[in-house]
C-alpha atoms as a PDB file:
ATOM      1  CA  UNK A   1      87.409 108.396 108.358  1.00  0.00           C
ATOM      2  CA  UNK A   2      89.719 105.394 107.487  1.00  0.00           C
ATOM      3  CA  UNK A   3      87.115 103.062 109.172  1.00  0.00           C
ATOM      4  CA  UNK A   4      84.201 104.694 106.990  1.00  0.00           C
ATOM      5  CA  UNK A   5      86.298 103.391 103.957  1.00  0.00           C
ATOM      6  CA  UNK A   6      86.818  99.892 105.255  1.00  0.00           C
ATOM      7  CA  UNK A   7      90.037  99.968 106.950  1.00  0.00           C
ATOM      8  CA  UNK A   8      90.875  98.373 110.234  1.00  0.00           C
ATOM      9  CA  UNK A   9      92.389 100.911 112.299  1.00  0.00           C
ATOM     10  CA  UNK A  10      94.242 100.338 115.541  1.00  0.00           C
ATOM     11  CA  UNK A  11      94.455 103.729 117.255  1.00  0.00           C
ATOM     12  CA  UNK A  12      97.313 104.733 119.728  1.00  0.00           C
ATOM     13  CA  UNK A  13      97.323 107.855 121.860  1.00  0.00           C
ATOM     14  CA  UNK A  14     101.088 107.829 122.274  1.00  0.00           C
ATOM     15  CA  UNK A  15     104.141 106.136 120.957  1.00  0.00           C
ATOM     16  CA  UNK A  16     104.399 103.696 123.895  1.00  0.00           C
ATOM     17  CA  UNK A  17     100.810 102.489 123.360  1.00  0.00           C
ATOM     18  CA  UNK A  18     101.655 102.016 119.642  1.00  0.00           C
ATOM     19  CA  UNK A  19     104.468  99.621 120.742  1.00  0.00           C
ATOM     20  CA  UNK A  20     102.073  97.655 122.783  1.00  0.00           C
ATOM     21  CA  UNK A  21      99.444  97.525 120.168  1.00  0.00           C
ATOM     22  CA  UNK A  22     101.788  96.479 117.697  1.00  0.00           C
ATOM     23  CA  UNK A  23     103.118  93.395 120.023  1.00  0.00           C
ATOM     24  CA  UNK A  24      99.373  92.457 120.429  1.00  0.00           C
ATOM     25  CA  UNK A  25      98.863  92.478 116.735  1.00  0.00           C
ATOM     26  CA  UNK A  26     102.322  91.151 115.299  1.00  0.00           C
ATOM     27  CA  UNK A  27     101.935  90.441 111.911  1.00  0.00           C
ATOM     28  CA  UNK A  28      98.737  91.984 111.444  1.00  0.00           C
ATOM     29  CA  UNK A  29      99.634  95.693 110.561  1.00  0.00           C
ATOM     30  CA  UNK A  30     100.073  96.780 106.916  1.00  0.00           C
ATOM     31  CA  UNK A  31     100.632 100.597 107.236  1.00  0.00           C
ATOM     32  CA  UNK A  32     101.745 102.613 110.262  1.00  0.00           C
ATOM     33  CA  UNK A  33     100.555 106.227 110.061  1.00  0.00           C
ATOM     34  CA  UNK A  34     102.380 108.586 112.569  1.00  0.00           C
ATOM     35  CA  UNK A  35     103.463 112.151 112.852  1.00  0.00           C
ATOM     36  CA  UNK A  36     107.149 112.979 112.615  1.00  0.00           C
ATOM     37  CA  UNK A  37     107.090 114.781 116.029  1.00  0.00           C
ATOM     38  CA  UNK A  38     105.684 112.761 119.000  1.00  0.00           C
ATOM     39  CA  UNK A  39     105.839 113.245 122.699  1.00  0.00           C
ATOM     40  CA  UNK A  40     108.897 111.340 124.153  1.00  0.00           C
ATOM     41  CA  UNK A  41     110.301 109.854 120.944  1.00  0.00           C
ATOM     42  CA  UNK A  42     110.126 110.822 117.111  1.00  0.00           C
ATOM     43  CA  UNK A  43     108.122 109.013 114.473  1.00  0.00           C
ATOM     44  CA  UNK A  44     111.239 107.567 112.994  1.00  0.00           C
ATOM     45  CA  UNK A  45     112.239 106.238 116.486  1.00  0.00           C
ATOM     46  CA  UNK A  46     108.900 104.826 116.784  1.00  0.00           C
ATOM     47  CA  UNK A  47     109.105 103.069 113.553  1.00  0.00           C
ATOM     48  CA  UNK A  48     112.488 101.624 114.396  1.00  0.00           C
ATOM     49  CA  UNK A  49     110.871 100.149 117.511  1.00  0.00           C
ATOM     50  CA  UNK A  50     107.813  98.811 115.720  1.00  0.00           C
ATOM     51  CA  UNK A  51     110.187  97.180 113.406  1.00  0.00           C
ATOM     52  CA  UNK A  52     111.653  94.975 116.115  1.00  0.00           C
ATOM     53  CA  UNK A  53     108.149  93.660 116.712  1.00  0.00           C
ATOM     54  CA  UNK A  54     106.850  93.360 113.310  1.00  0.00           C
ATOM     55  CA  UNK A  55     109.554  93.798 110.442  1.00  0.00           C
ATOM     56  CA  UNK A  56     107.135  94.417 107.636  1.00  0.00           C
ATOM     57  CA  UNK A  57     104.911  97.191 107.303  1.00  0.00           C
ATOM     58  CA  UNK A  58     104.542 100.528 105.213  1.00  0.00           C
ATOM     59  CA  UNK A  59     105.081 103.830 106.834  1.00  0.00           C
ATOM     60  CA  UNK A  60     103.332 107.157 106.154  1.00  0.00           C
ATOM     61  CA  UNK A  61     104.762 110.095 108.047  1.00  0.00           C
ATOM     62  CA  UNK A  62     102.780 113.179 108.639  1.00  0.00           C
ATOM     63  CA  UNK A  63     104.118 116.711 109.518  1.00  0.00           C
ATOM     64  CA  UNK A  64     103.507 120.404 109.363  1.00  0.00           C
ATOM     65  CA  UNK A  65     106.776 120.847 108.149  1.00  0.00           C
ATOM     66  CA  UNK A  66     107.714 120.167 104.455  1.00  0.00           C
ATOM     67  CA  UNK A  67     109.671 116.935 104.029  1.00  0.00           C
ATOM     68  CA  UNK A  68     113.002 118.680 103.358  1.00  0.00           C
ATOM     69  CA  UNK A  69     112.618 120.695 106.439  1.00  0.00           C
ATOM     70  CA  UNK A  70     111.721 117.992 108.927  1.00  0.00           C
ATOM     71  CA  UNK A  71     114.354 118.560 111.724  1.00  0.00           C
ATOM     72  CA  UNK A  72     116.180 115.696 113.221  1.00  0.00           C
ATOM     73  CA  UNK A  73     116.946 112.221 111.612  1.00  0.00           C
ATOM     74  CA  UNK A  74     116.086 111.574 107.934  1.00  0.00           C
ATOM     75  CA  UNK A  75     112.971 109.756 107.205  1.00  0.00           C
ATOM     76  CA  UNK A  76     113.488 105.972 106.502  1.00  0.00           C
ATOM     77  CA  UNK A  77     113.897 104.890 102.927  1.00  0.00           C
ATOM     78  CA  UNK A  78     110.607 103.680 101.338  1.00  0.00           C
ATOM     79  CA  UNK A  79     108.398 105.579 103.508  1.00  0.00           C
ATOM     80  CA  UNK A  80     105.770 107.975 102.367  1.00  0.00           C
ATOM     81  CA  UNK A  81     105.398 111.695 103.626  1.00  0.00           C
ATOM     82  CA  UNK A  82     102.323 114.021 103.690  1.00  0.00           C
ATOM     83  CA  UNK A  83     102.538 117.412 104.638  1.00  0.00           C
ATOM     84  CA  UNK A  84      99.758 118.961 106.667  1.00  0.00           C
ATOM     85  CA  UNK A  85      97.239 120.115 106.043  1.00  0.00           C
ATOM     86  CA  UNK A  86      96.059 117.427 103.577  1.00  0.00           C
ATOM     87  CA  UNK A  87      92.518 116.388 102.582  1.00  0.00           C
ATOM     88  CA  UNK A  88      90.909 113.126 102.933  1.00  0.00           C
ATOM     89  CA  UNK A  89      91.083 112.241  99.281  1.00  0.00           C
ATOM     90  CA  UNK A  90      94.992 112.676  99.291  1.00  0.00           C
ATOM     91  CA  UNK A  91      95.118 110.493 102.515  1.00  0.00           C
ATOM     92  CA  UNK A  92      92.846 107.805 101.044  1.00  0.00           C
ATOM     93  CA  UNK A  93      94.895 107.681  97.912  1.00  0.00           C
ATOM     94  CA  UNK A  94      98.211 107.563  99.489  1.00  0.00           C
ATOM     95  CA  UNK A  95      97.220 104.703 101.869  1.00  0.00           C
ATOM     96  CA  UNK A  96      95.620 102.821  98.788  1.00  0.00           C
ATOM     97  CA  UNK A  97      98.815 103.072  96.845  1.00  0.00           C
ATOM     98  CA  UNK A  98     100.848 101.892  99.669  1.00  0.00           C
ATOM     99  CA  UNK A  99      98.872  98.876 100.156  1.00  0.00           C
ATOM    100  CA  UNK A 100      98.595  98.069  96.373  1.00  0.00           C
ATOM    101  CA  UNK A 101     102.454  98.425  96.117  1.00  0.00           C
ATOM    102  CA  UNK A 102     102.698  96.084  99.199  1.00  0.00           C
ATOM    103  CA  UNK A 103     100.570  93.373  97.901  1.00  0.00           C
ATOM    104  CA  UNK A 104     102.091  93.055  94.293  1.00  0.00           C
END
């Protein structure tokens, strides 16, 4: 869906693969979209690892839990959050807003 709207998408099936992709595309990632809960590490832990490779990108966390009910560590300051389920329009608006803020 994001590709259909002109975005370049780097898809990772697991957190370790996301780290590998980030290393291969250092400096070329504007937004990371991740679930809060992943196998083998949390979304915030993944973001910490990605920041060691590429320090500047926006983060959008997704979860079935409401933001205030997400178990574990708090979400990083400046990150965005969408509770599942959400529609395509909300996802696109959120990412567009994040990119607009980043480039101004």
